[in-house]
Amino acid sequence: MAHSYDEFDEDFGLSGLTQKVRYPTLFPDETEALRLVERMAGYFDGANAGLLLEDVRLLLESPLPDEVIVTLWLAATRRYFDPVAHGLDGRAWLNRIADVCVARIRLDDPSFVLPAAPEPVGDQGVRAAVLEEIRGVSPALTKAAATSLYAPALPDVVPALERAVAEVGADLAFRLFLRAMKAYFVPIGEARHSRFLLLGERLGYHEFVVDDGCLNVWDDLVD
């Protein structure tokens, strides 16, 4: 069963963090990036720390290779902050984020201990629907990530997202997919836009998590 996230009227968790990794904020080093993590952990009166921690742990405890984790992060942020360029592999960077989240949670609950590993969210039907949408835009997203005027080329975005659906779950994979679509401003039609919103409903999101004004929707594009 999907979580209910409809109380959060903007993106949350790891995808919400990646949304904020963008111009005009500069990230010359890991320290500045972690300051953003601290701010994001405090969103929704601190509730975002738990959501962010859950997302991070799903990736950390998944069988995804480190290079796939890095690709997911870079795609969602359009390579605006590359942890590898600062000496961190994907899991090391996620562990830094997790440490910040635990510290924020313990401000309100000093006795907090990590719960059991979170379970991937999204049944097989939702996973299949998310995978279908990813594959439906595969050529456009692949081209956008390879030819962006604003970031170095990033190959293998679509295979990384496909693996995330299978090995992390539909919820986080869909949110990271949406962030990549927005980061690279990939055009979609009204029909696909409607399907994105419906998938968001099935996963328990507020509509603004899906459509925050950053999707590139064309009314004359048939998809």
C-alpha atoms as a PDB file:
ATOM      1  CA  MET A   1       0.000   0.000   0.000  1.00  0.00           C
ATOM      2  CA  ALA A   2       1.227   3.517  -0.817  1.00  0.00           C
ATOM      3  CA  HIS A   3       2.034   5.967   1.929  1.00  0.00           C
ATOM      4  CA  SER A   4      -0.157   9.046   2.254  1.00  0.00           C
ATOM      5  CA  TYR A   5       1.939  12.068   1.415  1.00  0.00           C
ATOM      6  CA  ASP A   6      -0.898  14.420   0.477  1.00  0.00           C
ATOM      7  CA  GLU A   7      -0.208  16.702   3.449  1.00  0.00           C
ATOM      8  CA  PHE A   8       3.043  17.747   1.738  1.00  0.00           C
ATOM      9  CA  ASP A   9       2.156  20.261  -0.971  1.00  0.00           C
ATOM     10  CA  GLU A  10       5.657  20.308  -2.460  1.00  0.00           C
ATOM     11  CA  ASP A  11       8.266  17.712  -3.256  1.00  0.00           C
ATOM     12  CA  PHE A  12       9.759  15.954  -0.247  1.00  0.00           C
ATOM     13  CA  GLY A  13      12.424  13.498   0.770  1.00  0.00           C
ATOM     14  CA  LEU A  14      15.377  12.921  -1.521  1.00  0.00           C
ATOM     15  CA  SER A  15      13.601  14.197  -4.623  1.00  0.00           C
ATOM     16  CA  GLY A  16      12.691  17.380  -2.754  1.00  0.00           C
ATOM     17  CA  LEU A  17      16.346  17.812  -1.840  1.00  0.00           C
ATOM     18  CA  THR A  18      17.484  17.390  -5.438  1.00  0.00           C
ATOM     19  CA  GLN A  19      14.991  20.066  -6.494  1.00  0.00           C
ATOM     20  CA  LYS A  20      16.908  22.620  -4.421  1.00  0.00           C
ATOM     21  CA  VAL A  21      20.318  21.675  -5.818  1.00  0.00           C
ATOM     22  CA  ARG A  22      20.265  24.330  -8.514  1.00  0.00           C
ATOM     23  CA  TYR A  23      21.230  27.843  -9.513  1.00  0.00           C
ATOM     24  CA  PRO A  24      21.656  30.388  -7.930  1.00  0.00           C
ATOM     25  CA  THR A  25      22.900  28.458  -4.884  1.00  0.00           C
ATOM     26  CA  LEU A  26      26.549  27.530  -5.277  1.00  0.00           C
ATOM     27  CA  PHE A  27      28.055  24.294  -3.982  1.00  0.00           C
ATOM     28  CA  PRO A  28      31.831  24.706  -4.092  1.00  0.00           C
ATOM     29  CA  ASP A  29      32.311  21.874  -1.619  1.00  0.00           C
ATOM     30  CA  GLU A  30      30.620  19.178   0.423  1.00  0.00           C
ATOM     31  CA  THR A  31      30.194  21.520   3.395  1.00  0.00           C
ATOM     32  CA  GLU A  32      27.929  23.887   1.486  1.00  0.00           C
ATOM     33  CA  ALA A  33      25.916  20.994   0.089  1.00  0.00           C
ATOM     34  CA  LEU A  34      25.384  19.629   3.597  1.00  0.00           C
ATOM     35  CA  ARG A  35      24.115  23.024   4.734  1.00  0.00           C
ATOM     36  CA  LEU A  36      21.339  22.620   2.178  1.00  0.00           C
ATOM     37  CA  VAL A  37      20.641  19.120   3.503  1.00  0.00           C
ATOM     38  CA  GLU A  38      20.304  20.572   7.017  1.00  0.00           C
ATOM     39  CA  ARG A  39      17.809  23.161   5.783  1.00  0.00           C
ATOM     40  CA  MET A  40      15.808  20.564   3.887  1.00  0.00           C
ATOM     41  CA  ALA A  41      15.752  18.201   6.871  1.00  0.00           C
ATOM     42  CA  GLY A  42      13.946  20.932   8.776  1.00  0.00           C
ATOM     43  CA  TYR A  43      11.128  21.271   6.220  1.00  0.00           C
ATOM     44  CA  PHE A  44       7.568  20.472   7.301  1.00  0.00           C
ATOM     45  CA  ASP A  45       8.489  21.157  10.948  1.00  0.00           C
ATOM     46  CA  GLY A  46      11.199  18.529  10.795  1.00  0.00           C
ATOM     47  CA  ALA A  47       9.025  15.794   9.263  1.00  0.00           C
ATOM     48  CA  ASN A  48      11.084  15.928   6.092  1.00  0.00           C
ATOM     49  CA  ALA A  49      14.093  14.545   7.971  1.00  0.00           C
ATOM     50  CA  GLY A  50      12.287  11.235   8.367  1.00  0.00           C
ATOM     51  CA  LEU A  51      11.125  11.190   4.748  1.00  0.00           C
ATOM     52  CA  LEU A  52      14.605  12.029   3.486  1.00  0.00           C
ATOM     53  CA  LEU A  53      16.175   9.403   5.727  1.00  0.00           C
ATOM     54  CA  GLU A  54      13.760   6.754   4.465  1.00  0.00           C
ATOM     55  CA  ASP A  55      14.545   7.544   0.821  1.00  0.00           C
ATOM     56  CA  VAL A  56      18.271   7.498   1.465  1.00  0.00           C
ATOM     57  CA  ARG A  57      18.128   4.189   3.287  1.00  0.00           C
ATOM     58  CA  LEU A  58      16.121   2.623   0.461  1.00  0.00           C
ATOM     59  CA  LEU A  59      18.989   3.450  -1.885  1.00  0.00           C
ATOM     60  CA  LEU A  60      21.731   2.531   0.581  1.00  0.00           C
ATOM     61  CA  GLU A  61      20.249  -0.885   1.293  1.00  0.00           C
ATOM     62  CA  SER A  62      19.318  -1.634  -2.304  1.00  0.00           C
ATOM     63  CA  PRO A  63      21.438  -3.818  -4.585  1.00  0.00           C
ATOM     64  CA  LEU A  64      22.018  -0.887  -6.944  1.00  0.00           C
ATOM     65  CA  PRO A  65      25.680  -0.444  -7.928  1.00  0.00           C
ATOM     66  CA  ASP A  66      27.254   2.778  -6.739  1.00  0.00           C
ATOM     67  CA  GLU A  67      27.509   4.181 -10.250  1.00  0.00           C
ATOM     68  CA  VAL A  68      23.744   3.806 -10.698  1.00  0.00           C
ATOM     69  CA  ILE A  69      23.096   5.671  -7.447  1.00  0.00           C
ATOM     70  CA  VAL A  70      25.373   8.469  -8.629  1.00  0.00           C
ATOM     71  CA  THR A  71      23.569   8.607 -11.980  1.00  0.00           C
ATOM     72  CA  LEU A  72      20.181   8.910 -10.259  1.00  0.00           C
ATOM     73  CA  TRP A  73      21.463  11.814  -8.149  1.00  0.00           C
ATOM     74  CA  LEU A  74      23.126  13.562 -11.085  1.00  0.00           C
ATOM     75  CA  ALA A  75      20.078  13.174 -13.330  1.00  0.00           C
ATOM     76  CA  ALA A  76      17.758  14.670 -10.722  1.00  0.00           C
ATOM     77  CA  THR A  77      20.098  17.635 -10.160  1.00  0.00           C
ATOM     78  CA  ARG A  78      21.331  18.063 -13.765  1.00  0.00           C
ATOM     79  CA  ARG A  79      24.839  17.468 -12.397  1.00  0.00           C
ATOM     80  CA  TYR A  80      24.744  20.735 -10.453  1.00  0.00           C
ATOM     81  CA  PHE A  81      26.524  19.113  -7.513  1.00  0.00           C
ATOM     82  CA  ASP A  82      28.601  16.034  -8.288  1.00  0.00           C
ATOM     83  CA  PRO A  83      29.663  14.224  -5.096  1.00  0.00           C
ATOM     84  CA  VAL A  84      32.244  12.183  -7.004  1.00  0.00           C
ATOM     85  CA  ALA A  85      34.009  15.407  -8.016  1.00  0.00           C
ATOM     86  CA  HIS A  86      34.337  16.128  -4.290  1.00  0.00           C
ATOM     87  CA  GLY A  87      35.813  12.747  -3.413  1.00  0.00           C
ATOM     88  CA  LEU A  88      32.616  10.957  -2.405  1.00  0.00           C
ATOM     89  CA  ASP A  89      31.094   7.893  -4.002  1.00  0.00           C
ATOM     90  CA  GLY A  90      27.313   7.601  -4.122  1.00  0.00           C
ATOM     91  CA  ARG A  91      26.832   5.681  -0.905  1.00  0.00           C
ATOM     92  CA  ALA A  92      29.291   7.870   0.993  1.00  0.00           C
ATOM     93  CA  TRP A  93      27.280  10.937  -0.024  1.00  0.00           C
ATOM     94  CA  LEU A  94      24.007   9.296   0.978  1.00  0.00           C
ATOM     95  CA  ASN A  95      25.482   8.353   4.345  1.00  0.00           C
ATOM     96  CA  ARG A  96      26.399  12.010   4.909  1.00  0.00           C
ATOM     97  CA  ILE A  97      22.775  12.927   4.202  1.00  0.00           C
ATOM     98  CA  ALA A  98      21.536  10.186   6.535  1.00  0.00           C
ATOM     99  CA  ASP A  99      23.737  11.469   9.376  1.00  0.00           C
ATOM    100  CA  VAL A 100      22.253  14.953   9.009  1.00  0.00           C
ATOM    101  CA  CYS A 101      18.722  13.536   9.058  1.00  0.00           C
ATOM    102  CA  VAL A 102      19.335  11.468  12.186  1.00  0.00           C
ATOM    103  CA  ALA A 103      20.787  14.501  13.959  1.00  0.00           C
ATOM    104  CA  ARG A 104      17.699  16.572  13.023  1.00  0.00           C
ATOM    105  CA  ILE A 105      15.285  13.879  14.198  1.00  0.00           C
ATOM    106  CA  ARG A 106      17.113  13.623  17.523  1.00  0.00           C
ATOM    107  CA  LEU A 107      16.549  17.321  18.158  1.00  0.00           C
ATOM    108  CA  ASP A 108      12.890  16.396  18.706  1.00  0.00           C
ATOM    109  CA  ASP A 109      13.386  12.806  19.843  1.00  0.00           C
ATOM    110  CA  PRO A 110      16.751  12.252  21.581  1.00  0.00           C
ATOM    111  CA  SER A 111      16.017   8.536  21.977  1.00  0.00           C
ATOM    112  CA  PHE A 112      15.567   7.957  18.247  1.00  0.00           C
ATOM    113  CA  VAL A 113      17.186   4.810  16.839  1.00  0.00           C
ATOM    114  CA  LEU A 114      17.074   3.661  13.260  1.00  0.00           C
ATOM    115  CA  PRO A 115      14.015   1.490  12.618  1.00  0.00           C
ATOM    116  CA  ALA A 116      14.044  -1.620  10.490  1.00  0.00           C
ATOM    117  CA  ALA A 117      14.923  -1.116   6.855  1.00  0.00           C
ATOM    118  CA  PRO A 118      12.082   0.604   4.977  1.00  0.00           C
ATOM    119  CA  GLU A 119      10.074  -1.390   2.471  1.00  0.00           C
ATOM    120  CA  PRO A 120       9.858  -0.240  -1.161  1.00  0.00           C
ATOM    121  CA  VAL A 121       6.550   1.500  -1.888  1.00  0.00           C
ATOM    122  CA  GLY A 122       4.377   0.730  -4.905  1.00  0.00           C
ATOM    123  CA  ASP A 123       2.716  -2.528  -5.903  1.00  0.00           C
ATOM    124  CA  GLN A 124       3.518  -4.365  -9.118  1.00  0.00           C
ATOM    125  CA  GLY A 125       0.792  -2.533 -11.023  1.00  0.00           C
ATOM    126  CA  VAL A 126       2.208   0.860 -10.079  1.00  0.00           C
ATOM    127  CA  ARG A 127       5.749  -0.297 -10.832  1.00  0.00           C
ATOM    128  CA  ALA A 128       4.666  -1.417 -14.286  1.00  0.00           C
ATOM    129  CA  ALA A 129       2.941   1.924 -14.922  1.00  0.00           C
ATOM    130  CA  VAL A 130       5.998   3.932 -13.817  1.00  0.00           C
ATOM    131  CA  LEU A 131       8.260   1.775 -15.959  1.00  0.00           C
ATOM    132  CA  GLU A 132       5.992   2.309 -18.955  1.00  0.00           C
ATOM    133  CA  GLU A 133       6.191   6.087 -18.564  1.00  0.00           C
ATOM    134  CA  ILE A 134       9.988   6.002 -18.250  1.00  0.00           C
ATOM    135  CA  ARG A 135      10.299   3.906 -21.386  1.00  0.00           C
ATOM    136  CA  GLY A 136       7.810   6.119 -23.208  1.00  0.00           C
ATOM    137  CA  VAL A 137      10.091   9.144 -22.893  1.00  0.00           C
ATOM    138  CA  SER A 138      13.349   7.209 -23.108  1.00  0.00           C
ATOM    139  CA  PRO A 139      14.561   8.699 -26.431  1.00  0.00           C
ATOM    140  CA  ALA A 140      13.754  12.279 -25.415  1.00  0.00           C
ATOM    141  CA  LEU A 141      15.193  12.013 -21.907  1.00  0.00           C
ATOM    142  CA  THR A 142      18.321  10.221 -23.135  1.00  0.00           C
ATOM    143  CA  LYS A 143      18.923  12.894 -25.771  1.00  0.00           C
ATOM    144  CA  ALA A 144      18.295  15.759 -23.330  1.00  0.00           C
ATOM    145  CA  ALA A 145      20.738  14.347 -20.779  1.00  0.00           C
ATOM    146  CA  ALA A 146      23.361  13.795 -23.476  1.00  0.00           C
ATOM    147  CA  THR A 147      23.082  17.181 -25.211  1.00  0.00           C
ATOM    148  CA  SER A 148      22.214  19.673 -22.470  1.00  0.00           C
ATOM    149  CA  LEU A 149      23.735  23.098 -22.970  1.00  0.00           C
ATOM    150  CA  TYR A 150      23.887  23.552 -19.199  1.00  0.00           C
ATOM    151  CA  ALA A 151      25.575  20.380 -17.949  1.00  0.00           C
ATOM    152  CA  PRO A 152      28.064  17.729 -19.065  1.00  0.00           C
ATOM    153  CA  ALA A 153      26.574  14.754 -20.881  1.00  0.00           C
ATOM    154  CA  LEU A 154      25.083  12.104 -18.604  1.00  0.00           C
ATOM    155  CA  PRO A 155      24.631   8.679 -20.201  1.00  0.00           C
ATOM    156  CA  ASP A 156      22.560   5.786 -18.910  1.00  0.00           C
ATOM    157  CA  VAL A 157      19.864   7.876 -17.203  1.00  0.00           C
ATOM    158  CA  VAL A 158      17.016   5.683 -18.402  1.00  0.00           C
ATOM    159  CA  PRO A 159      18.639   2.340 -17.429  1.00  0.00           C
ATOM    160  CA  ALA A 160      19.361   3.781 -13.963  1.00  0.00           C
ATOM    161  CA  LEU A 161      15.723   4.808 -13.527  1.00  0.00           C
ATOM    162  CA  GLU A 162      14.515   1.425 -14.759  1.00  0.00           C
ATOM    163  CA  ARG A 163      16.702  -0.313 -12.196  1.00  0.00           C
ATOM    164  CA  ALA A 164      15.420   2.013  -9.479  1.00  0.00           C
ATOM    165  CA  VAL A 165      11.835   0.976 -10.240  1.00  0.00           C
ATOM    166  CA  ALA A 166      12.745  -2.699  -9.949  1.00  0.00           C
ATOM    167  CA  GLU A 167      15.205  -2.544  -7.047  1.00  0.00           C
ATOM    168  CA  VAL A 168      14.118   0.492  -4.983  1.00  0.00           C
ATOM    169  CA  GLY A 169      10.399   0.792  -5.649  1.00  0.00           C
ATOM    170  CA  ALA A 170       7.899   2.816  -7.645  1.00  0.00           C
ATOM    171  CA  ASP A 171       7.591   5.702  -5.166  1.00  0.00           C
ATOM    172  CA  LEU A 172      11.154   6.988  -5.012  1.00  0.00           C
ATOM    173  CA  ALA A 173      11.864   5.954  -8.608  1.00  0.00           C
ATOM    174  CA  PHE A 174       8.887   7.951  -9.878  1.00  0.00           C
ATOM    175  CA  ARG A 175       9.859  11.052  -7.914  1.00  0.00           C
ATOM    176  CA  LEU A 176      13.453  10.885  -9.172  1.00  0.00           C
ATOM    177  CA  PHE A 177      12.152  10.329 -12.709  1.00  0.00           C
ATOM    178  CA  LEU A 178       9.976  13.445 -12.421  1.00  0.00           C
ATOM    179  CA  ARG A 179      12.950  15.456 -11.177  1.00  0.00           C
ATOM    180  CA  ALA A 180      15.049  14.309 -14.140  1.00  0.00           C
ATOM    181  CA  MET A 181      12.242  15.232 -16.551  1.00  0.00           C
ATOM    182  CA  LYS A 182      12.058  18.684 -14.963  1.00  0.00           C
ATOM    183  CA  ALA A 183      15.818  19.157 -14.698  1.00  0.00           C
ATOM    184  CA  TYR A 184      16.277  18.512 -18.420  1.00  0.00           C
ATOM    185  CA  PHE A 185      12.952  20.173 -19.409  1.00  0.00           C
ATOM    186  CA  VAL A 186      11.858  17.174 -21.474  1.00  0.00           C
ATOM    187  CA  PRO A 187       8.648  17.940 -23.422  1.00  0.00           C
ATOM    188  CA  ILE A 188       5.527  15.872 -22.765  1.00  0.00           C
ATOM    189  CA  GLY A 189       1.940  16.042 -24.005  1.00  0.00           C
ATOM    190  CA  GLU A 190      -1.281  16.564 -22.091  1.00  0.00           C
ATOM    191  CA  ALA A 191      -2.096  12.849 -22.075  1.00  0.00           C
ATOM    192  CA  ARG A 192       1.219  11.923 -20.455  1.00  0.00           C
ATOM    193  CA  HIS A 193       0.862  14.818 -18.040  1.00  0.00           C
ATOM    194  CA  SER A 194      -2.513  13.424 -16.962  1.00  0.00           C
ATOM    195  CA  ARG A 195      -0.999   9.985 -16.491  1.00  0.00           C
ATOM    196  CA  PHE A 196       1.768  11.451 -14.334  1.00  0.00           C
ATOM    197  CA  LEU A 197      -0.864  13.094 -12.111  1.00  0.00           C
ATOM    198  CA  LEU A 198      -2.813   9.842 -11.868  1.00  0.00           C
ATOM    199  CA  LEU A 199       0.314   7.943 -10.855  1.00  0.00           C
ATOM    200  CA  GLY A 200       0.947  10.575  -8.205  1.00  0.00           C
ATOM    201  CA  GLU A 201      -2.551  10.015  -6.842  1.00  0.00           C
ATOM    202  CA  ARG A 202      -1.977   6.261  -6.737  1.00  0.00           C
ATOM    203  CA  LEU A 203       1.225   6.857  -4.758  1.00  0.00           C
ATOM    204  CA  GLY A 204      -0.501   9.208  -2.328  1.00  0.00           C
ATOM    205  CA  TYR A 205       1.060  12.515  -3.459  1.00  0.00           C
ATOM    206  CA  HIS A 206      -0.365  16.003  -3.398  1.00  0.00           C
ATOM    207  CA  GLU A 207      -0.800  17.098  -7.016  1.00  0.00           C
ATOM    208  CA  PHE A 208       1.870  19.809  -6.598  1.00  0.00           C
ATOM    209  CA  VAL A 209       4.505  17.139  -5.966  1.00  0.00           C
ATOM    210  CA  VAL A 210       3.978  15.990  -9.549  1.00  0.00           C
ATOM    211  CA  ASP A 211       3.197  19.299 -11.190  1.00  0.00           C
ATOM    212  CA  ASP A 212       5.081  22.107  -9.481  1.00  0.00           C
ATOM    213  CA  GLY A 213       5.192  24.236 -12.617  1.00  0.00           C
ATOM    214  CA  CYS A 214       8.451  22.735 -13.891  1.00  0.00           C
ATOM    215  CA  LEU A 215       7.077  20.086 -16.257  1.00  0.00           C
ATOM    216  CA  ASN A 216       7.422  21.013 -19.929  1.00  0.00           C
ATOM    217  CA  VAL A 217       3.861  20.307 -21.124  1.00  0.00           C
ATOM    218  CA  TRP A 218       2.833  20.917 -24.751  1.00  0.00           C
ATOM    219  CA  ASP A 219      -0.854  20.767 -25.682  1.00  0.00           C
ATOM    220  CA  ASP A 220      -0.075  19.820 -29.303  1.00  0.00           C
ATOM    221  CA  LEU A 221       2.288  16.946 -28.450  1.00  0.00           C
ATOM    222  CA  VAL A 222       0.718  13.500 -28.788  1.00  0.00           C
ATOM    223  CA  ASP A 223       2.146  10.913 -26.420  1.00  0.00           C
END
